[in-house]
Amino acid sequence: MDLFNVFPTLTATQKAQFEALDALYRDWNAKINVISRKDIDNLYLHHVLHSLAIAKFTGFKPGTRILDIGTGGGFPGIPLAIMFPDCQFRLIDSIGKKIKVATEVAKSIGLTNVEAFHRRGEEEKDRFDFIVSRAVMPLPDLVKIVRKNVSKSQHNALPNGLIVLKGGNLDEELKPFGKIVEQVPITGFFDDEWFEDKKVIYLPL
């Protein structure tokens, strides 16, 4: 699947930034394993496009502040930061070497709207409009950690909260949140069987 067909309005700068990711992640992955060796060939489908399902789910107004918790090598934060250059992204992870990769990749492609820190979610004190994440932990556990980080002031049409990428049957995990939680199948955005059981989960907080 061609990323540029799915997002036809990308600027030349954004295209160049997305194109640069392949060589950068291959290079860093050889030094610090942040993406499984067999998965690096599927970087754009399994990591970049998967991250951008959030951009298909909702847009962010300029000035929106977003926290990516458990970012690993920079997903979903870096693809989203390319997509929304007027928003501010903070990437955190409890593993320092992964944050090093995310920091260096962001720097190499000239992302000025990204900061990355080696810290656990429990240690993050700032407030953000949205918290994003890719399958770091069960949703009830994640909510306990990040509830303190959701800003009270609203800037977007979508109320502030948590937007996470998850796969599989989530009925039990989401049960505590009742009707307030939204599950959106990613196959509605991207026509590839790899996304079959994958969803964007949105929980206003």
N, C-alpha and C. Protein backbone atom coordinates (compact mmCIF):
# COMPACT_ATOMS: atom_id res chain seq x y z
N MET A 1 0.84 -1.20 0.00
CA MET A 1 0.00 0.00 0.00
C MET A 1 0.88 1.24 0.00
N ASP A 2 0.56 2.17 -0.92
CA ASP A 2 1.36 3.37 -1.04
C ASP A 2 0.83 4.46 -0.10
N LEU A 3 1.65 4.82 0.85
CA LEU A 3 1.31 5.85 1.83
C LEU A 3 0.85 7.14 1.17
N PHE A 4 1.50 7.50 0.05
CA PHE A 4 1.19 8.77 -0.59
C PHE A 4 -0.17 8.75 -1.29
N ASN A 5 -0.65 7.56 -1.65
CA ASN A 5 -2.00 7.46 -2.23
C ASN A 5 -3.06 7.63 -1.15
N VAL A 6 -2.75 7.10 0.03
CA VAL A 6 -3.71 7.14 1.14
C VAL A 6 -3.80 8.56 1.71
N PHE A 7 -2.67 9.27 1.68
CA PHE A 7 -2.63 10.66 2.16
C PHE A 7 -2.16 11.56 1.02
N PRO A 8 -3.07 11.89 0.10
CA PRO A 8 -2.65 12.59 -1.13
C PRO A 8 -2.26 14.05 -0.93
N THR A 9 -2.55 14.64 0.23
CA THR A 9 -2.28 16.07 0.39
C THR A 9 -0.96 16.36 1.11
N LEU A 10 -0.10 15.37 1.23
CA LEU A 10 1.19 15.58 1.91
C LEU A 10 2.04 16.60 1.16
N THR A 11 2.76 17.42 1.91
CA THR A 11 3.68 18.39 1.29
C THR A 11 4.96 17.67 0.86
N ALA A 12 5.78 18.36 0.09
CA ALA A 12 7.07 17.78 -0.35
C ALA A 12 7.94 17.46 0.87
N THR A 13 7.90 18.33 1.87
CA THR A 13 8.69 18.11 3.09
C THR A 13 8.22 16.84 3.80
N GLN A 14 6.92 16.70 3.95
CA GLN A 14 6.37 15.51 4.62
C GLN A 14 6.73 14.23 3.85
N LYS A 15 6.63 14.28 2.55
CA LYS A 15 6.98 13.10 1.74
C LYS A 15 8.44 12.72 1.95
N ALA A 16 9.31 13.72 1.92
CA ALA A 16 10.74 13.47 2.10
C ALA A 16 11.00 12.88 3.50
N GLN A 17 10.29 13.38 4.51
CA GLN A 17 10.47 12.88 5.87
C GLN A 17 10.02 11.42 5.98
N PHE A 18 8.88 11.12 5.40
CA PHE A 18 8.40 9.73 5.42
C PHE A 18 9.36 8.81 4.66
N GLU A 19 9.83 9.28 3.50
CA GLU A 19 10.75 8.45 2.69
C GLU A 19 12.06 8.17 3.42
N ALA A 20 12.50 9.10 4.25
CA ALA A 20 13.78 8.95 4.96
C ALA A 20 13.71 7.91 6.08
N LEU A 21 12.50 7.59 6.54
CA LEU A 21 12.37 6.70 7.70
C LEU A 21 12.96 5.31 7.47
N ASP A 22 12.80 4.78 6.27
CA ASP A 22 13.25 3.41 6.01
C ASP A 22 14.74 3.24 6.28
N ALA A 23 15.56 4.06 5.65
CA ALA A 23 17.02 3.95 5.83
C ALA A 23 17.42 4.23 7.28
N LEU A 24 16.77 5.22 7.90
CA LEU A 24 17.11 5.58 9.28
C LEU A 24 16.81 4.44 10.25
N TYR A 25 15.62 3.86 10.12
CA TYR A 25 15.27 2.77 11.04
C TYR A 25 16.11 1.52 10.78
N ARG A 26 16.44 1.25 9.53
CA ARG A 26 17.32 0.10 9.24
C ARG A 26 18.69 0.31 9.90
N ASP A 27 19.19 1.52 9.76
CA ASP A 27 20.50 1.84 10.31
C ASP A 27 20.49 1.72 11.84
N TRP A 28 19.50 2.33 12.48
CA TRP A 28 19.42 2.28 13.94
C TRP A 28 19.10 0.87 14.44
N ASN A 29 18.27 0.18 13.69
CA ASN A 29 17.87 -1.17 14.11
C ASN A 29 19.06 -2.12 14.15
N ALA A 30 20.03 -1.87 13.28
CA ALA A 30 21.24 -2.70 13.26
C ALA A 30 22.05 -2.50 14.55
N LYS A 31 21.93 -1.28 15.14
CA LYS A 31 22.67 -0.97 16.36
C LYS A 31 21.86 -1.27 17.62
N ILE A 32 20.61 -0.86 17.58
CA ILE A 32 19.71 -1.01 18.74
C ILE A 32 18.40 -1.60 18.21
N ASN A 33 18.08 -2.80 18.63
CA ASN A 33 16.91 -3.47 18.07
C ASN A 33 15.60 -2.90 18.61
N VAL A 34 14.95 -2.03 17.81
CA VAL A 34 13.66 -1.48 18.25
C VAL A 34 12.49 -2.06 17.46
N ILE A 35 12.79 -2.64 16.32
CA ILE A 35 11.76 -3.29 15.50
C ILE A 35 12.29 -4.69 15.21
N SER A 36 11.43 -5.69 15.31
CA SER A 36 11.95 -7.06 15.12
C SER A 36 12.58 -7.18 13.73
N ARG A 37 13.65 -7.94 13.65
CA ARG A 37 14.44 -8.05 12.41
C ARG A 37 13.56 -8.39 11.20
N LYS A 38 12.62 -9.32 11.41
CA LYS A 38 11.81 -9.74 10.25
C LYS A 38 10.75 -8.69 9.89
N ASP A 39 10.50 -7.78 10.82
CA ASP A 39 9.44 -6.79 10.62
C ASP A 39 9.94 -5.52 9.96
N ILE A 40 11.25 -5.33 9.92
CA ILE A 40 11.79 -4.07 9.39
C ILE A 40 11.42 -3.90 7.91
N ASP A 41 11.25 -5.01 7.19
CA ASP A 41 10.84 -4.91 5.78
C ASP A 41 9.39 -4.43 5.64
N ASN A 42 8.64 -4.54 6.72
CA ASN A 42 7.25 -4.08 6.70
C ASN A 42 7.08 -2.77 7.47
N LEU A 43 8.16 -1.99 7.54
CA LEU A 43 8.14 -0.77 8.34
C LEU A 43 6.94 0.13 8.01
N TYR A 44 6.70 0.36 6.71
CA TYR A 44 5.66 1.32 6.34
C TYR A 44 4.26 0.80 6.65
N LEU A 45 4.03 -0.49 6.41
CA LEU A 45 2.70 -1.05 6.66
C LEU A 45 2.45 -1.25 8.15
N HIS A 46 3.37 -1.95 8.82
CA HIS A 46 3.14 -2.38 10.21
C HIS A 46 3.40 -1.30 11.25
N HIS A 47 4.16 -0.28 10.89
CA HIS A 47 4.53 0.73 11.88
C HIS A 47 4.08 2.13 11.50
N VAL A 48 4.46 2.57 10.30
CA VAL A 48 4.12 3.94 9.90
C VAL A 48 2.62 4.08 9.62
N LEU A 49 2.12 3.23 8.73
CA LEU A 49 0.70 3.33 8.38
C LEU A 49 -0.19 3.00 9.58
N HIS A 50 0.21 1.99 10.36
CA HIS A 50 -0.54 1.64 11.57
C HIS A 50 -0.65 2.86 12.48
N SER A 51 0.46 3.56 12.67
CA SER A 51 0.45 4.78 13.49
C SER A 51 -0.50 5.83 12.92
N LEU A 52 -0.53 5.93 11.59
CA LEU A 52 -1.32 6.97 10.93
C LEU A 52 -2.83 6.66 10.90
N ALA A 53 -3.21 5.49 11.38
CA ALA A 53 -4.65 5.21 11.53
C ALA A 53 -5.26 6.26 12.46
N ILE A 54 -4.45 6.77 13.40
CA ILE A 54 -4.93 7.82 14.31
C ILE A 54 -5.23 9.10 13.53
N ALA A 55 -4.41 9.38 12.52
CA ALA A 55 -4.63 10.58 11.69
C ALA A 55 -5.87 10.43 10.82
N LYS A 56 -6.23 9.19 10.48
CA LYS A 56 -7.46 8.95 9.73
C LYS A 56 -8.68 9.07 10.65
N PHE A 57 -8.47 8.67 11.91
CA PHE A 57 -9.56 8.72 12.90
C PHE A 57 -9.92 10.17 13.26
N THR A 58 -8.90 11.01 13.45
CA THR A 58 -9.16 12.41 13.81
C THR A 58 -8.01 13.30 13.37
N GLY A 59 -8.31 14.55 13.11
CA GLY A 59 -7.27 15.55 12.88
C GLY A 59 -7.00 16.27 14.20
N PHE A 60 -5.87 16.98 14.26
CA PHE A 60 -5.54 17.78 15.45
C PHE A 60 -5.34 19.23 15.03
N LYS A 61 -5.96 20.14 15.77
CA LYS A 61 -5.79 21.56 15.47
C LYS A 61 -4.36 21.99 15.79
N PRO A 62 -3.84 23.01 15.07
CA PRO A 62 -2.52 23.54 15.40
C PRO A 62 -2.45 23.89 16.89
N GLY A 63 -1.31 23.59 17.50
CA GLY A 63 -1.14 23.90 18.91
C GLY A 63 -1.54 22.77 19.85
N THR A 64 -2.16 21.73 19.31
CA THR A 64 -2.55 20.57 20.15
C THR A 64 -1.30 19.91 20.72
N ARG A 65 -1.38 19.52 21.99
CA ARG A 65 -0.25 18.85 22.65
C ARG A 65 -0.58 17.37 22.83
N ILE A 66 0.32 16.50 22.40
CA ILE A 66 0.08 15.07 22.38
C ILE A 66 1.22 14.33 23.06
N LEU A 67 0.88 13.41 23.94
CA LEU A 67 1.87 12.58 24.63
C LEU A 67 1.79 11.16 24.07
N ASP A 68 2.92 10.64 23.61
CA ASP A 68 3.01 9.25 23.17
C ASP A 68 3.69 8.46 24.28
N ILE A 69 2.92 7.61 24.95
CA ILE A 69 3.45 6.86 26.10
C ILE A 69 3.87 5.46 25.66
N GLY A 70 5.08 5.06 26.02
CA GLY A 70 5.61 3.76 25.59
C GLY A 70 5.90 3.77 24.10
N THR A 71 6.56 4.83 23.65
CA THR A 71 6.75 5.08 22.21
C THR A 71 7.66 4.07 21.52
N GLY A 72 8.51 3.37 22.30
CA GLY A 72 9.48 2.46 21.65
C GLY A 72 10.44 3.28 20.80
N GLY A 73 10.55 2.92 19.54
CA GLY A 73 11.43 3.67 18.62
C GLY A 73 10.76 4.89 18.01
N GLY A 74 9.55 5.23 18.48
CA GLY A 74 8.90 6.44 17.97
C GLY A 74 7.54 6.23 17.32
N PHE A 75 6.83 5.18 17.72
CA PHE A 75 5.51 4.92 17.12
C PHE A 75 4.43 4.88 18.20
N PRO A 76 3.33 5.57 17.98
CA PRO A 76 2.91 6.30 16.77
C PRO A 76 3.42 7.74 16.66
N GLY A 77 4.22 8.20 17.64
CA GLY A 77 4.55 9.63 17.73
C GLY A 77 5.22 10.25 16.52
N ILE A 78 6.24 9.58 15.96
CA ILE A 78 6.99 10.21 14.86
C ILE A 78 6.14 10.34 13.58
N PRO A 79 5.47 9.27 13.11
CA PRO A 79 4.61 9.47 11.94
C PRO A 79 3.54 10.55 12.16
N LEU A 80 2.97 10.61 13.37
CA LEU A 80 1.96 11.63 13.65
C LEU A 80 2.57 13.03 13.68
N ALA A 81 3.80 13.14 14.18
CA ALA A 81 4.47 14.45 14.21
C ALA A 81 4.78 14.94 12.79
N ILE A 82 5.09 14.02 11.89
CA ILE A 82 5.27 14.40 10.47
C ILE A 82 3.94 14.89 9.90
N MET A 83 2.89 14.17 10.23
CA MET A 83 1.56 14.46 9.68
C MET A 83 0.98 15.77 10.21
N PHE A 84 1.30 16.08 11.49
CA PHE A 84 0.76 17.29 12.12
C PHE A 84 1.91 18.20 12.60
N PRO A 85 2.57 18.89 11.66
CA PRO A 85 3.76 19.67 12.02
C PRO A 85 3.46 20.85 12.95
N ASP A 86 2.20 21.27 13.03
CA ASP A 86 1.85 22.41 13.89
C ASP A 86 1.41 21.97 15.29
N CYS A 87 1.53 20.68 15.59
CA CYS A 87 1.20 20.17 16.93
C CYS A 87 2.49 19.80 17.65
N GLN A 88 2.42 19.75 18.97
CA GLN A 88 3.60 19.42 19.78
C GLN A 88 3.50 18.00 20.32
N PHE A 89 4.55 17.24 20.14
CA PHE A 89 4.56 15.84 20.57
C PHE A 89 5.64 15.60 21.62
N ARG A 90 5.26 14.90 22.68
CA ARG A 90 6.26 14.42 23.64
C ARG A 90 6.22 12.89 23.62
N LEU A 91 7.38 12.29 23.41
CA LEU A 91 7.49 10.82 23.35
C LEU A 91 8.21 10.35 24.60
N ILE A 92 7.61 9.40 25.32
CA ILE A 92 8.30 8.86 26.49
C ILE A 92 8.34 7.34 26.43
N ASP A 93 9.39 6.79 27.02
CA ASP A 93 9.52 5.34 27.12
C ASP A 93 10.42 5.02 28.32
N SER A 94 10.18 3.88 28.93
CA SER A 94 10.97 3.51 30.12
C SER A 94 12.32 2.91 29.73
N ILE A 95 12.52 2.66 28.42
CA ILE A 95 13.79 2.08 27.96
C ILE A 95 14.60 3.15 27.23
N GLY A 96 15.71 3.52 27.85
CA GLY A 96 16.51 4.65 27.36
C GLY A 96 17.01 4.50 25.93
N LYS A 97 17.44 3.30 25.56
CA LYS A 97 18.02 3.15 24.21
C LYS A 97 16.96 3.32 23.13
N LYS A 98 15.70 3.00 23.45
CA LYS A 98 14.63 3.22 22.47
C LYS A 98 14.39 4.72 22.28
N ILE A 99 14.46 5.47 23.37
CA ILE A 99 14.29 6.92 23.29
C ILE A 99 15.43 7.54 22.49
N LYS A 100 16.61 6.97 22.60
CA LYS A 100 17.75 7.46 21.80
C LYS A 100 17.44 7.34 20.31
N VAL A 101 16.89 6.19 19.91
CA VAL A 101 16.53 5.98 18.50
C VAL A 101 15.47 7.01 18.07
N ALA A 102 14.42 7.14 18.86
CA ALA A 102 13.34 8.09 18.52
C ALA A 102 13.89 9.51 18.39
N THR A 103 14.76 9.89 19.32
CA THR A 103 15.35 11.24 19.31
C THR A 103 16.18 11.46 18.06
N GLU A 104 17.03 10.49 17.73
CA GLU A 104 17.92 10.64 16.57
C GLU A 104 17.16 10.63 15.25
N VAL A 105 16.13 9.79 15.16
CA VAL A 105 15.32 9.75 13.93
C VAL A 105 14.63 11.11 13.74
N ALA A 106 14.02 11.62 14.81
CA ALA A 106 13.31 12.91 14.73
C ALA A 106 14.27 14.02 14.30
N LYS A 107 15.48 14.00 14.89
CA LYS A 107 16.49 15.01 14.58
C LYS A 107 16.94 14.89 13.11
N SER A 108 17.15 13.66 12.67
CA SER A 108 17.66 13.43 11.30
C SER A 108 16.70 13.94 10.23
N ILE A 109 15.40 13.86 10.50
CA ILE A 109 14.43 14.30 9.47
C ILE A 109 13.94 15.72 9.74
N GLY A 110 14.55 16.38 10.73
CA GLY A 110 14.24 17.80 10.97
C GLY A 110 12.91 18.07 11.64
N LEU A 111 12.45 17.14 12.45
CA LEU A 111 11.20 17.38 13.18
C LEU A 111 11.48 18.31 14.37
N THR A 112 10.90 19.49 14.34
CA THR A 112 11.13 20.44 15.43
C THR A 112 9.99 20.40 16.45
N ASN A 113 8.98 19.58 16.20
CA ASN A 113 7.80 19.53 17.08
C ASN A 113 7.79 18.27 17.96
N VAL A 114 8.97 17.66 18.14
CA VAL A 114 9.07 16.43 18.92
C VAL A 114 10.12 16.58 20.01
N GLU A 115 9.76 16.16 21.22
CA GLU A 115 10.75 16.00 22.29
C GLU A 115 10.58 14.59 22.84
N ALA A 116 11.68 13.95 23.20
CA ALA A 116 11.62 12.56 23.67
C ALA A 116 12.37 12.42 24.98
N PHE A 117 11.75 11.73 25.94
CA PHE A 117 12.34 11.58 27.26
C PHE A 117 12.33 10.14 27.73
N HIS A 118 13.40 9.77 28.42
CA HIS A 118 13.49 8.46 29.04
C HIS A 118 12.78 8.55 30.39
N ARG A 119 11.51 8.16 30.42
CA ARG A 119 10.77 8.17 31.68
C ARG A 119 9.55 7.27 31.59
N ARG A 120 9.07 6.86 32.75
CA ARG A 120 7.87 6.03 32.80
C ARG A 120 6.64 6.93 32.84
N GLY A 121 5.51 6.38 32.45
CA GLY A 121 4.27 7.16 32.44
C GLY A 121 3.94 7.73 33.80
N GLU A 122 4.26 6.98 34.86
CA GLU A 122 3.98 7.43 36.22
C GLU A 122 4.77 8.70 36.57
N GLU A 123 5.90 8.89 35.89
CA GLU A 123 6.78 10.03 36.19
C GLU A 123 6.43 11.29 35.40
N GLU A 124 5.60 11.13 34.39
CA GLU A 124 5.24 12.28 33.53
C GLU A 124 4.24 13.19 34.27
N LYS A 125 4.60 14.46 34.41
CA LYS A 125 3.76 15.38 35.19
C LYS A 125 2.93 16.35 34.35
N ASP A 126 3.33 16.59 33.10
CA ASP A 126 2.65 17.59 32.28
C ASP A 126 1.26 17.15 31.85
N ARG A 127 0.52 18.14 31.32
CA ARG A 127 -0.82 17.84 30.80
C ARG A 127 -0.86 18.02 29.28
N PHE A 128 -1.68 17.21 28.64
CA PHE A 128 -1.75 17.17 27.18
C PHE A 128 -3.22 17.07 26.76
N ASP A 129 -3.47 17.43 25.49
CA ASP A 129 -4.84 17.29 24.97
C ASP A 129 -5.16 15.82 24.74
N PHE A 130 -4.20 15.11 24.17
CA PHE A 130 -4.43 13.69 23.89
C PHE A 130 -3.22 12.85 24.30
N ILE A 131 -3.50 11.64 24.75
CA ILE A 131 -2.46 10.65 25.00
C ILE A 131 -2.63 9.59 23.92
N VAL A 132 -1.56 9.26 23.21
CA VAL A 132 -1.62 8.20 22.20
C VAL A 132 -0.68 7.07 22.62
N SER A 133 -0.98 5.88 22.12
CA SER A 133 -0.15 4.74 22.50
C SER A 133 -0.45 3.57 21.58
N ARG A 134 0.52 2.68 21.51
CA ARG A 134 0.35 1.50 20.67
C ARG A 134 0.52 0.26 21.55
N ALA A 135 -0.62 -0.28 22.00
CA ALA A 135 -0.64 -1.57 22.72
C ALA A 135 0.39 -1.71 23.83
N VAL A 136 0.55 -0.67 24.67
CA VAL A 136 1.54 -0.83 25.73
C VAL A 136 1.06 -1.70 26.88
N MET A 137 -0.23 -1.57 27.22
CA MET A 137 -0.77 -2.32 28.37
C MET A 137 -2.28 -2.31 28.28
N PRO A 138 -2.96 -3.14 29.08
CA PRO A 138 -4.43 -3.12 29.07
C PRO A 138 -4.95 -1.71 29.37
N LEU A 139 -6.05 -1.36 28.72
CA LEU A 139 -6.58 0.01 28.82
C LEU A 139 -6.86 0.46 30.27
N PRO A 140 -7.47 -0.38 31.13
CA PRO A 140 -7.73 0.08 32.50
C PRO A 140 -6.44 0.48 33.23
N ASP A 141 -5.34 -0.25 32.99
CA ASP A 141 -4.06 0.07 33.62
C ASP A 141 -3.50 1.39 33.08
N LEU A 142 -3.64 1.57 31.77
CA LEU A 142 -3.14 2.78 31.12
C LEU A 142 -3.91 4.01 31.62
N VAL A 143 -5.21 3.88 31.74
CA VAL A 143 -6.05 5.00 32.20
C VAL A 143 -5.62 5.46 33.59
N LYS A 144 -5.32 4.50 34.46
CA LYS A 144 -4.88 4.85 35.83
C LYS A 144 -3.62 5.72 35.79
N ILE A 145 -2.72 5.41 34.86
CA ILE A 145 -1.44 6.14 34.78
C ILE A 145 -1.62 7.52 34.14
N VAL A 146 -2.42 7.62 33.08
CA VAL A 146 -2.43 8.86 32.30
C VAL A 146 -3.57 9.82 32.60
N ARG A 147 -4.52 9.41 33.40
CA ARG A 147 -5.65 10.31 33.70
C ARG A 147 -5.16 11.67 34.18
N LYS A 148 -4.10 11.68 34.99
CA LYS A 148 -3.52 12.91 35.54
C LYS A 148 -2.94 13.82 34.46
N ASN A 149 -2.65 13.25 33.28
CA ASN A 149 -1.96 14.00 32.23
C ASN A 149 -2.89 14.63 31.19
N VAL A 150 -4.20 14.42 31.35
CA VAL A 150 -5.14 14.95 30.35
C VAL A 150 -5.56 16.36 30.76
N SER A 151 -5.33 17.31 29.86
CA SER A 151 -5.64 18.71 30.12
C SER A 151 -7.15 18.94 30.23
N LYS A 152 -7.51 19.91 31.06
CA LYS A 152 -8.94 20.24 31.22
C LYS A 152 -9.42 21.16 30.10
N SER A 153 -8.50 21.94 29.50
CA SER A 153 -8.95 22.88 28.47
C SER A 153 -8.99 22.20 27.10
N GLN A 154 -10.08 22.43 26.39
CA GLN A 154 -10.34 21.75 25.12
C GLN A 154 -9.99 22.65 23.93
N HIS A 155 -9.32 22.09 22.93
CA HIS A 155 -8.98 22.85 21.71
C HIS A 155 -9.54 22.22 20.44
N ASN A 156 -9.89 20.94 20.54
CA ASN A 156 -10.30 20.19 19.35
C ASN A 156 -11.79 19.84 19.41
N ALA A 157 -12.34 19.52 18.24
CA ALA A 157 -13.74 19.08 18.20
C ALA A 157 -13.91 17.80 19.01
N LEU A 158 -12.91 16.91 18.91
CA LEU A 158 -12.93 15.67 19.68
C LEU A 158 -12.51 15.99 21.12
N PRO A 159 -13.32 15.60 22.12
CA PRO A 159 -12.93 15.88 23.51
C PRO A 159 -11.59 15.22 23.87
N ASN A 160 -10.82 15.88 24.71
CA ASN A 160 -9.52 15.36 25.14
C ASN A 160 -9.65 13.94 25.69
N GLY A 161 -8.60 13.16 25.50
CA GLY A 161 -8.64 11.80 26.03
C GLY A 161 -7.52 10.94 25.48
N LEU A 162 -7.82 9.66 25.42
CA LEU A 162 -6.83 8.64 25.08
C LEU A 162 -7.17 8.05 23.71
N ILE A 163 -6.18 7.96 22.82
CA ILE A 163 -6.38 7.31 21.51
C ILE A 163 -5.30 6.25 21.37
N VAL A 164 -5.70 4.98 21.40
CA VAL A 164 -4.70 3.91 21.36
C VAL A 164 -4.96 2.94 20.21
N LEU A 165 -3.88 2.29 19.79
CA LEU A 165 -3.96 1.29 18.72
C LEU A 165 -3.86 -0.09 19.35
N LYS A 166 -4.85 -0.91 19.09
CA LYS A 166 -4.87 -2.25 19.69
C LYS A 166 -5.41 -3.26 18.69
N GLY A 167 -5.12 -4.56 18.96
CA GLY A 167 -5.62 -5.62 18.09
C GLY A 167 -6.31 -6.70 18.89
N GLY A 168 -7.01 -7.58 18.17
CA GLY A 168 -7.66 -8.73 18.82
C GLY A 168 -9.02 -8.39 19.40
N ASN A 169 -9.56 -9.33 20.17
CA ASN A 169 -10.86 -9.14 20.79
C ASN A 169 -10.69 -8.34 22.08
N LEU A 170 -11.30 -7.17 22.13
CA LEU A 170 -11.07 -6.25 23.24
C LEU A 170 -12.27 -6.12 24.17
N ASP A 171 -13.29 -6.96 23.94
CA ASP A 171 -14.54 -6.80 24.70
C ASP A 171 -14.33 -6.79 26.21
N GLU A 172 -13.56 -7.76 26.72
CA GLU A 172 -13.34 -7.83 28.17
C GLU A 172 -12.57 -6.62 28.68
N GLU A 173 -11.53 -6.27 27.94
CA GLU A 173 -10.66 -5.16 28.34
C GLU A 173 -11.41 -3.82 28.39
N LEU A 174 -12.36 -3.67 27.46
CA LEU A 174 -13.06 -2.39 27.35
C LEU A 174 -14.35 -2.33 28.17
N LYS A 175 -14.75 -3.48 28.70
CA LYS A 175 -16.01 -3.57 29.44
C LYS A 175 -16.15 -2.51 30.54
N PRO A 176 -15.09 -2.25 31.34
CA PRO A 176 -15.23 -1.27 32.41
C PRO A 176 -15.65 0.13 31.95
N PHE A 177 -15.47 0.43 30.66
CA PHE A 177 -15.74 1.79 30.18
C PHE A 177 -17.12 1.94 29.54
N GLY A 178 -17.83 0.83 29.41
CA GLY A 178 -19.20 0.88 28.88
C GLY A 178 -19.27 1.52 27.50
N LYS A 179 -20.32 2.34 27.32
CA LYS A 179 -20.59 2.92 25.99
C LYS A 179 -19.71 4.13 25.67
N ILE A 180 -18.99 4.61 26.67
CA ILE A 180 -18.18 5.83 26.48
C ILE A 180 -16.97 5.57 25.56
N VAL A 181 -16.51 4.31 25.49
CA VAL A 181 -15.33 3.99 24.69
C VAL A 181 -15.73 3.67 23.25
N GLU A 182 -14.93 4.12 22.31
CA GLU A 182 -15.22 3.91 20.88
C GLU A 182 -14.18 2.97 20.27
N GLN A 183 -14.64 1.96 19.51
CA GLN A 183 -13.73 1.04 18.79
C GLN A 183 -13.93 1.26 17.29
N VAL A 184 -12.87 1.63 16.60
CA VAL A 184 -13.00 1.88 15.15
C VAL A 184 -12.06 0.95 14.39
N PRO A 185 -12.62 0.04 13.57
CA PRO A 185 -11.75 -0.89 12.81
C PRO A 185 -10.88 -0.13 11.81
N ILE A 186 -9.60 -0.47 11.80
CA ILE A 186 -8.65 0.21 10.91
C ILE A 186 -8.88 -0.18 9.45
N THR A 187 -9.52 -1.33 9.23
CA THR A 187 -9.81 -1.73 7.83
C THR A 187 -10.72 -0.72 7.14
N GLY A 188 -11.41 0.11 7.93
CA GLY A 188 -12.23 1.18 7.35
C GLY A 188 -11.37 2.28 6.74
N PHE A 189 -10.12 2.35 7.15
CA PHE A 189 -9.20 3.37 6.63
C PHE A 189 -8.24 2.82 5.59
N PHE A 190 -7.70 1.62 5.88
CA PHE A 190 -6.67 1.02 5.02
C PHE A 190 -7.10 -0.37 4.59
N ASP A 191 -7.05 -0.60 3.30
CA ASP A 191 -7.52 -1.86 2.76
C ASP A 191 -6.37 -2.87 2.67
N ASP A 192 -5.98 -3.42 3.80
CA ASP A 192 -4.94 -4.45 3.81
C ASP A 192 -5.29 -5.46 4.88
N GLU A 193 -5.15 -6.75 4.56
CA GLU A 193 -5.60 -7.77 5.51
C GLU A 193 -4.82 -7.77 6.82
N TRP A 194 -3.61 -7.16 6.81
CA TRP A 194 -2.83 -7.11 8.06
C TRP A 194 -3.59 -6.35 9.15
N PHE A 195 -4.46 -5.43 8.72
CA PHE A 195 -5.22 -4.62 9.69
C PHE A 195 -6.52 -5.27 10.15
N GLU A 196 -6.79 -6.47 9.65
CA GLU A 196 -8.05 -7.19 9.91
C GLU A 196 -8.59 -7.03 11.33
N ASP A 197 -7.76 -7.35 12.34
CA ASP A 197 -8.28 -7.35 13.72
C ASP A 197 -7.82 -6.13 14.51
N LYS A 198 -7.32 -5.10 13.78
CA LYS A 198 -6.74 -3.95 14.48
C LYS A 198 -7.71 -2.77 14.54
N LYS A 199 -7.64 -2.06 15.67
CA LYS A 199 -8.61 -0.98 15.89
C LYS A 199 -7.95 0.26 16.48
N VAL A 200 -8.62 1.39 16.24
CA VAL A 200 -8.32 2.61 16.99
C VAL A 200 -9.32 2.66 18.14
N ILE A 201 -8.82 2.79 19.36
CA ILE A 201 -9.69 2.88 20.53
C ILE A 201 -9.63 4.30 21.06
N TYR A 202 -10.79 4.92 21.21
CA TYR A 202 -10.84 6.29 21.74
C TYR A 202 -11.65 6.33 23.02
N LEU A 203 -11.05 6.95 24.04
CA LEU A 203 -11.71 7.07 25.33
C LEU A 203 -11.58 8.50 25.82
N PRO A 204 -12.70 9.27 25.83
CA PRO A 204 -12.61 10.63 26.38
C PRO A 204 -12.31 10.56 27.87
N LEU A 205 -11.45 11.43 28.36
CA LEU A 205 -11.11 11.42 29.80
C LEU A 205 -11.29 12.82 30.40
